[in-house]
Amino acid sequence: MKKSTKVLAILLVVLLLTGVMSGCSNSNPTQPSTDANPQTVSIGKDIKNEAITIAWLPLSTQGPTNISTMAGADAVRRVYPNVTLKVYDCGFDLTTQISMVNECITQKVDAILLQALDATALNQVITDAETAGIPVITVGLAATAVYTLATIGVDYEGGQMVAETLARQLNNQGNVVALDAPAEQESGINTYEGLRDYFEQNTPGIEIIDYQNVPNWSTENANQIARDLLTKHDKIDAIWCAADELAVGALQACQALGYTDILIWGTSPGLPLVLENIRDGLIAGTIAYDAVLEMEISMYMALNSIQLGTNAVALGFEKTPTLNITMEPVTIENVEKILARVG
């Protein structure tokens, strides 16, 4: 994506989502009161000149996906050098992530950006943060609590996109195994449901013959699970993976066991390694979206909330606003275009 296009997209999102936030509210932001018991007035910060601290809690600081998100954060910090991004590494451990969110609340950070390890187990600490006046924004992996904003790259529609393209590659016939997200992560499960529903409704000749959740979004775990499935089943025509990191593990398993004709599909964000493997004919496809842009938008929306002094509690949200990042299937036919964009 060209730089000018990205800047325009970010500006439009900030303007539009400010309206979206207001639309999700059942009450106006807190206003000064003229009665004997004045309400507390939310006062925002000068985001250009005051010291701002934003916490970033990814699934892990290791791995290629976090490189993309950090690039997006760094782009925003070049515009706002007064912003400190405090990075927490929970190492894929849920208890640690919950503890770290609590630490952010205690330290009174200005906003929390979060990849939720569990869609429900983090609800209480997210609510606690919002109640403390801290806007929470999830990046890619959402929770079910009510909070300021969820940016989502791939979900149900992404699974439908994968299924439609994979069905064409299989000529609407074949056995598919699924390496899905960790069982506790709703966003990944929704992507699988899109894939499954498309096959059931449109291609009865394609059957999902096995389904496994892969702990911790781990390439190593995906490698081992794929090896087990390749040994268990007589014929596998395709392996669908809920993330590009899992597709790398599936490819490693196929190569180790000598399978060269199995179609492997990843799902977001379009990691350079996976794109190169698509170009070289080793992986059949993935869904690409701009993870850098997703993080930039999340950072700008956090700054928007900090500047206005608002969050889900102040605005009376009953539902979390969501923003879907544009995505597209990538195969050997269009991978050079995508590689040129991310390069």
Protein backbone atom coordinates (compact mmCIF):
# COMPACT_ATOMS: atom_id res chain seq x y z
CA MET A 1 0.00 0.00 0.00
CA LYS A 2 1.36 3.43 -0.90
CA LYS A 3 2.29 5.68 2.00
CA SER A 4 -0.20 8.40 1.03
CA THR A 5 -3.00 5.84 0.82
CA LYS A 6 -2.14 4.47 4.26
CA VAL A 7 -2.13 7.94 5.79
CA LEU A 8 -5.52 8.70 4.25
CA ALA A 9 -6.91 5.38 5.49
CA ILE A 10 -5.76 6.11 9.02
CA LEU A 11 -7.20 9.62 9.02
CA LEU A 12 -10.54 8.40 7.68
CA VAL A 13 -10.69 5.63 10.26
CA VAL A 14 -10.05 8.05 13.11
CA LEU A 15 -12.79 10.36 11.87
CA LEU A 16 -15.26 7.57 11.20
CA LEU A 17 -14.61 5.67 14.40
CA THR A 18 -15.04 8.77 16.49
CA GLY A 19 -18.56 8.81 15.06
CA VAL A 20 -18.92 5.07 15.54
CA MET A 21 -18.00 5.39 19.19
CA SER A 22 -20.63 8.03 19.72
CA GLY A 23 -23.14 5.81 17.95
CA CYS A 24 -22.45 2.92 20.33
CA SER A 25 -23.21 5.03 23.36
CA ASN A 26 -26.53 5.25 25.18
CA SER A 27 -25.44 8.43 26.88
CA ASN A 28 -23.35 11.45 26.12
CA PRO A 29 -19.81 11.74 27.47
CA THR A 30 -19.76 13.12 30.97
CA GLN A 31 -20.60 16.83 31.00
CA PRO A 32 -20.22 19.45 33.72
CA SER A 33 -23.22 19.58 36.05
CA THR A 34 -24.89 22.69 37.43
CA ASP A 35 -26.55 20.98 40.40
CA ALA A 36 -25.22 20.66 43.91
CA ASN A 37 -23.53 17.34 43.14
CA PRO A 38 -21.39 17.98 40.09
CA GLN A 39 -20.33 15.00 38.01
CA THR A 40 -16.69 14.19 37.46
CA VAL A 41 -15.57 15.76 34.22
CA SER A 42 -13.33 13.70 31.93
CA ILE A 43 -10.33 15.78 30.91
CA GLY A 44 -8.16 14.46 28.14
CA LYS A 45 -4.44 14.90 27.61
CA ASP A 46 -2.46 16.97 25.14
CA ILE A 47 -1.25 14.02 23.08
CA LYS A 48 1.29 16.10 21.21
CA ASN A 49 3.10 17.60 24.19
CA GLU A 50 2.35 15.61 27.34
CA ALA A 51 4.09 12.37 28.24
CA ILE A 52 1.88 9.47 27.11
CA THR A 53 2.31 5.81 28.04
CA ILE A 54 0.58 3.11 26.01
CA ALA A 55 0.93 -0.53 27.06
CA TRP A 56 1.27 -3.22 24.38
CA LEU A 57 0.52 -6.81 25.39
CA PRO A 58 0.93 -9.21 22.43
CA LEU A 59 0.62 -12.97 22.65
CA SER A 60 4.40 -13.00 22.68
CA THR A 61 7.13 -10.62 21.60
CA GLN A 62 8.72 -13.51 19.69
CA GLY A 63 7.82 -14.32 16.09
CA PRO A 64 7.34 -12.50 12.81
CA THR A 65 3.84 -11.15 13.45
CA ASN A 66 5.02 -8.97 16.31
CA ILE A 67 7.68 -7.50 14.02
CA SER A 68 4.90 -6.13 11.81
CA THR A 69 2.91 -4.76 14.73
CA MET A 70 5.97 -3.07 16.18
CA ALA A 71 6.65 -1.47 12.80
CA GLY A 72 3.17 0.05 12.95
CA ALA A 73 3.72 1.32 16.48
CA ASP A 74 7.09 2.81 15.55
CA ALA A 75 5.51 4.66 12.62
CA VAL A 76 3.07 6.37 15.00
CA ARG A 77 5.79 7.15 17.53
CA ARG A 78 7.75 8.98 14.86
CA VAL A 79 4.79 11.35 14.67
CA TYR A 80 4.35 11.41 18.46
CA PRO A 81 7.84 11.03 19.98
CA ASN A 82 6.38 11.89 23.40
CA VAL A 83 4.56 8.53 23.40
CA THR A 84 6.21 5.67 25.29
CA LEU A 85 5.16 2.19 24.19
CA LYS A 86 5.60 -0.13 27.15
CA VAL A 87 5.84 -3.69 25.82
CA TYR A 88 4.88 -6.68 27.97
CA ASP A 89 5.79 -10.24 26.97
CA CYS A 90 3.43 -12.80 28.48
CA GLY A 91 5.02 -15.62 26.48
CA PHE A 92 1.66 -17.14 25.51
CA ASP A 93 0.76 -17.58 29.19
CA LEU A 94 -2.78 -16.51 30.13
CA THR A 95 -2.14 -16.07 33.85
CA THR A 96 0.84 -13.87 33.07
CA GLN A 97 -1.16 -11.76 30.64
CA ILE A 98 -3.92 -11.20 33.21
CA SER A 99 -1.31 -10.21 35.79
CA MET A 100 0.28 -7.81 33.31
CA VAL A 101 -3.02 -6.08 32.57
CA ASN A 102 -3.48 -5.63 36.31
CA GLU A 103 0.01 -4.15 36.48
CA CYS A 104 -0.93 -1.69 33.73
CA ILE A 105 -3.97 -0.63 35.74
CA THR A 106 -1.85 -0.13 38.87
CA GLN A 107 0.68 1.92 36.92
CA LYS A 108 -2.15 4.02 35.43
CA VAL A 109 -1.02 3.77 31.83
CA ASP A 110 -2.94 5.97 29.41
CA ALA A 111 -4.18 3.11 27.18
CA ILE A 112 -3.82 -0.64 26.77
CA LEU A 113 -3.37 -2.39 23.42
CA LEU A 114 -3.91 -6.12 23.75
CA GLN A 115 -3.91 -9.37 21.82
CA ALA A 116 -6.26 -11.40 23.96
CA LEU A 117 -4.95 -14.89 24.69
CA ASP A 118 -8.43 -15.95 25.79
CA ALA A 119 -11.68 -14.47 24.52
CA THR A 120 -13.43 -14.64 27.92
CA ALA A 121 -10.84 -15.15 30.68
CA LEU A 122 -9.53 -11.59 30.25
CA ASN A 123 -12.97 -9.99 30.53
CA GLN A 124 -12.69 -9.03 34.20
CA VAL A 125 -9.32 -7.29 33.93
CA ILE A 126 -10.40 -5.53 30.72
CA THR A 127 -13.51 -4.29 32.53
CA ASP A 128 -11.37 -3.24 35.49
CA ALA A 129 -9.12 -1.23 33.17
CA GLU A 130 -12.06 0.50 31.51
CA THR A 131 -13.60 1.24 34.90
CA ALA A 132 -10.30 2.81 35.94
CA GLY A 133 -10.58 5.14 32.95
CA ILE A 134 -8.07 3.32 30.74
CA PRO A 135 -9.21 2.69 27.14
CA VAL A 136 -8.56 -0.88 26.00
CA ILE A 137 -8.10 -1.72 22.32
CA THR A 138 -7.62 -5.29 21.12
CA VAL A 139 -5.43 -5.82 18.08
CA GLY A 140 -6.39 -8.81 15.95
CA LEU A 141 -7.55 -11.09 18.78
CA ALA A 142 -10.62 -9.83 20.58
CA ALA A 143 -12.31 -10.48 23.92
CA THR A 144 -16.02 -10.66 24.70
CA ALA A 145 -16.05 -7.90 27.32
CA VAL A 146 -17.27 -4.39 26.44
CA TYR A 147 -14.32 -2.10 25.80
CA THR A 148 -13.20 0.81 23.65
CA LEU A 149 -12.37 -0.83 20.30
CA ALA A 150 -11.51 -4.13 18.61
CA THR A 151 -9.51 -4.12 15.38
CA ILE A 152 -9.91 -7.44 13.57
CA GLY A 153 -7.94 -8.62 10.58
CA VAL A 154 -9.42 -12.03 9.85
CA ASP A 155 -12.61 -13.61 11.09
CA TYR A 156 -15.60 -15.47 9.62
CA GLU A 157 -15.38 -13.72 6.25
CA GLY A 158 -11.70 -14.61 6.00
CA GLY A 159 -12.54 -18.28 6.40
CA GLN A 160 -15.10 -17.97 3.63
CA MET A 161 -12.50 -16.37 1.35
CA VAL A 162 -10.04 -19.20 1.99
CA ALA A 163 -12.67 -21.88 1.40
CA GLU A 164 -13.84 -20.39 -1.88
CA THR A 165 -10.32 -20.18 -3.29
CA LEU A 166 -9.21 -23.58 -1.92
CA ALA A 167 -12.32 -25.20 -3.38
CA ARG A 168 -11.32 -23.99 -6.84
CA GLN A 169 -7.81 -25.34 -6.36
CA LEU A 170 -9.24 -28.73 -5.34
CA ASN A 171 -11.81 -28.75 -8.17
CA ASN A 172 -14.46 -29.07 -5.43
CA GLN A 173 -13.25 -32.52 -4.34
CA GLY A 174 -10.93 -33.57 -1.54
CA ASN A 175 -10.12 -34.27 2.08
CA VAL A 176 -9.09 -31.33 4.26
CA VAL A 177 -7.63 -31.27 7.76
CA ALA A 178 -7.82 -28.14 9.88
CA LEU A 179 -5.15 -26.79 12.23
CA ASP A 180 -7.11 -24.21 14.15
CA ALA A 181 -6.40 -21.53 16.72
CA PRO A 182 -5.99 -22.38 20.41
CA ALA A 183 -9.36 -23.56 21.71
CA GLU A 184 -9.81 -20.49 23.91
CA GLN A 185 -9.36 -17.96 21.10
CA GLU A 186 -12.74 -17.06 19.60
CA SER A 187 -11.42 -15.08 16.62
CA GLY A 188 -9.59 -18.07 15.18
CA ILE A 189 -12.55 -20.35 15.78
CA ASN A 190 -14.78 -17.91 13.88
CA THR A 191 -12.42 -18.13 10.92
CA TYR A 192 -12.70 -21.91 10.92
CA GLU A 193 -16.49 -21.66 11.06
CA GLY A 194 -16.44 -19.54 7.91
CA LEU A 195 -14.34 -22.20 6.16
CA ARG A 196 -16.52 -25.08 7.38
CA ASP A 197 -19.80 -23.38 6.52
CA TYR A 198 -18.67 -22.55 2.99
CA PHE A 199 -17.69 -26.15 2.29
CA GLU A 200 -20.93 -27.50 3.78
CA GLN A 201 -23.12 -25.08 1.85
CA ASN A 202 -21.31 -24.97 -1.49
CA THR A 203 -18.94 -27.91 -2.01
CA PRO A 204 -20.27 -31.24 -0.71
CA GLY A 205 -17.34 -32.97 -2.42
CA ILE A 206 -14.93 -31.42 0.09
CA GLU A 207 -14.85 -32.96 3.56
CA ILE A 208 -13.03 -31.76 6.65
CA ILE A 209 -11.84 -35.12 7.92
CA ASP A 210 -9.96 -33.94 11.01
CA TYR A 211 -9.76 -30.87 13.21
CA GLN A 212 -7.14 -29.98 15.80
CA ASN A 213 -6.52 -26.90 17.91
CA VAL A 214 -2.88 -25.84 18.00
CA PRO A 215 -1.72 -24.54 21.40
CA ASN A 216 -0.04 -21.14 21.59
CA TRP A 217 -0.20 -20.41 17.83
CA SER A 218 3.05 -22.38 17.72
CA THR A 219 4.89 -23.39 14.53
CA GLU A 220 6.48 -26.27 16.42
CA ASN A 221 3.14 -27.53 17.73
CA ALA A 222 1.63 -27.26 14.23
CA ASN A 223 4.54 -29.26 12.83
CA GLN A 224 3.99 -32.10 15.30
CA ILE A 225 0.21 -32.15 14.95
CA ALA A 226 0.47 -32.14 11.15
CA ARG A 227 2.91 -35.08 11.28
CA ASP A 228 0.44 -37.00 13.43
CA LEU A 229 -2.42 -36.29 11.03
CA LEU A 230 -0.36 -37.26 7.98
CA THR A 231 0.40 -40.57 9.66
CA LYS A 232 -3.19 -41.09 10.81
CA HIS A 233 -5.03 -40.49 7.51
CA ASP A 234 -4.58 -42.37 4.24
CA LYS A 235 -5.34 -39.38 2.02
CA ILE A 236 -5.12 -35.68 2.80
CA ASP A 237 -5.52 -33.23 -0.06
CA ALA A 238 -5.21 -29.96 1.85
CA ILE A 239 -4.22 -28.59 5.25
CA TRP A 240 -5.89 -25.39 6.38
CA CYS A 241 -4.14 -23.41 9.11
CA ALA A 242 -5.60 -20.63 11.26
CA ALA A 243 -2.40 -18.56 11.05
CA ASP A 244 0.61 -18.23 8.79
CA GLU A 245 2.90 -19.48 11.57
CA LEU A 246 0.90 -22.72 11.63
CA ALA A 247 1.19 -23.05 7.85
CA VAL A 248 4.97 -22.95 8.19
CA GLY A 249 4.75 -25.83 10.67
CA ALA A 250 2.47 -27.81 8.34
CA LEU A 251 4.91 -27.26 5.46
CA GLN A 252 7.79 -28.51 7.60
CA ALA A 253 5.82 -31.65 8.43
CA CYS A 254 4.95 -32.35 4.79
CA GLN A 255 8.54 -31.84 3.70
CA ALA A 256 9.88 -34.09 6.46
CA LEU A 257 7.50 -36.91 5.47
CA GLY A 258 7.91 -36.47 1.72
CA TYR A 259 4.46 -35.09 0.86
CA THR A 260 4.70 -32.66 -2.07
CA ASP A 261 1.14 -32.60 -3.42
CA ILE A 262 -0.80 -31.44 -0.34
CA LEU A 263 -2.20 -27.91 -0.60
CA ILE A 264 -1.30 -25.88 2.50
CA TRP A 265 -3.20 -22.72 3.37
CA GLY A 266 -2.30 -20.11 5.94
CA THR A 267 -4.53 -17.40 7.30
CA SER A 268 -3.16 -13.91 7.89
CA PRO A 269 -1.37 -11.66 8.06
CA GLY A 270 0.56 -12.62 4.93
CA LEU A 271 4.00 -13.12 6.46
CA PRO A 272 6.90 -12.56 4.02
CA LEU A 273 8.15 -16.14 4.54
CA VAL A 274 4.75 -17.57 3.67
CA LEU A 275 4.41 -15.26 0.67
CA GLU A 276 7.81 -16.41 -0.59
CA ASN A 277 6.74 -20.04 -0.17
CA ILE A 278 3.57 -19.29 -2.16
CA ARG A 279 5.68 -17.76 -4.90
CA ASP A 280 7.87 -20.86 -4.91
CA GLY A 281 4.88 -23.22 -5.08
CA LEU A 282 5.37 -24.70 -1.60
CA ILE A 283 2.27 -23.19 0.04
CA ALA A 284 -1.03 -22.87 -1.83
CA GLY A 285 -2.24 -19.61 -0.34
CA THR A 286 -3.02 -17.37 2.60
CA ILE A 287 -5.14 -14.39 3.52
CA ALA A 288 -3.12 -11.18 3.57
CA TYR A 289 -3.93 -8.04 5.45
CA ASP A 290 -1.84 -5.10 6.55
CA ALA A 291 -0.76 -5.86 10.13
CA VAL A 292 1.34 -2.70 10.18
CA LEU A 293 -1.71 -0.61 9.29
CA GLU A 294 -3.79 -2.44 11.89
CA MET A 295 -1.35 -1.45 14.62
CA GLU A 296 -1.11 2.12 13.35
CA ILE A 297 -4.88 2.47 13.46
CA SER A 298 -5.00 0.93 16.93
CA MET A 299 -2.35 3.37 18.17
CA TYR A 300 -4.10 6.38 16.65
CA MET A 301 -7.43 5.32 18.12
CA ALA A 302 -5.79 4.94 21.53
CA LEU A 303 -4.41 8.46 21.19
CA ASN A 304 -7.84 9.67 20.11
CA SER A 305 -9.39 8.25 23.31
CA ILE A 306 -6.59 9.67 25.46
CA GLN A 307 -7.01 13.10 23.91
CA LEU A 308 -10.77 13.12 24.45
CA GLY A 309 -10.54 11.55 27.89
CA THR A 310 -13.08 8.89 26.94
CA ASN A 311 -13.42 5.14 26.85
CA ALA A 312 -16.18 2.52 26.77
CA VAL A 313 -17.33 3.33 30.30
CA ALA A 314 -17.36 7.11 29.80
CA LEU A 315 -19.34 6.71 26.58
CA GLY A 316 -21.75 4.13 27.99
CA PHE A 317 -21.02 1.40 25.45
CA GLU A 318 -23.14 -1.72 25.56
CA LYS A 319 -21.14 -3.34 22.76
CA THR A 320 -17.53 -3.07 21.64
CA PRO A 321 -17.09 -1.23 18.32
CA THR A 322 -15.14 -3.28 15.79
CA LEU A 323 -13.05 -2.40 12.77
CA ASN A 324 -12.24 -5.02 10.13
CA ILE A 325 -8.96 -4.55 8.30
CA THR A 326 -9.16 -5.14 4.53
CA MET A 327 -7.96 -8.60 3.52
CA GLU A 328 -7.57 -10.63 0.35
CA PRO A 329 -6.68 -14.20 -0.65
CA VAL A 330 -3.13 -14.64 -1.94
CA THR A 331 -2.13 -17.42 -4.33
CA ILE A 332 0.65 -17.87 -6.86
CA GLU A 333 -1.41 -15.77 -9.31
CA ASN A 334 -1.18 -12.55 -7.29
CA VAL A 335 1.62 -13.13 -4.79
CA GLU A 336 4.17 -10.98 -6.63
CA LYS A 337 1.87 -7.98 -6.24
CA ILE A 338 1.52 -8.60 -2.52
CA LEU A 339 5.26 -9.15 -2.08
CA ALA A 340 5.93 -5.84 -3.82
CA ARG A 341 3.50 -4.13 -1.46
CA VAL A 342 4.98 -5.50 1.76
CA GLY A 343 8.53 -5.03 0.48
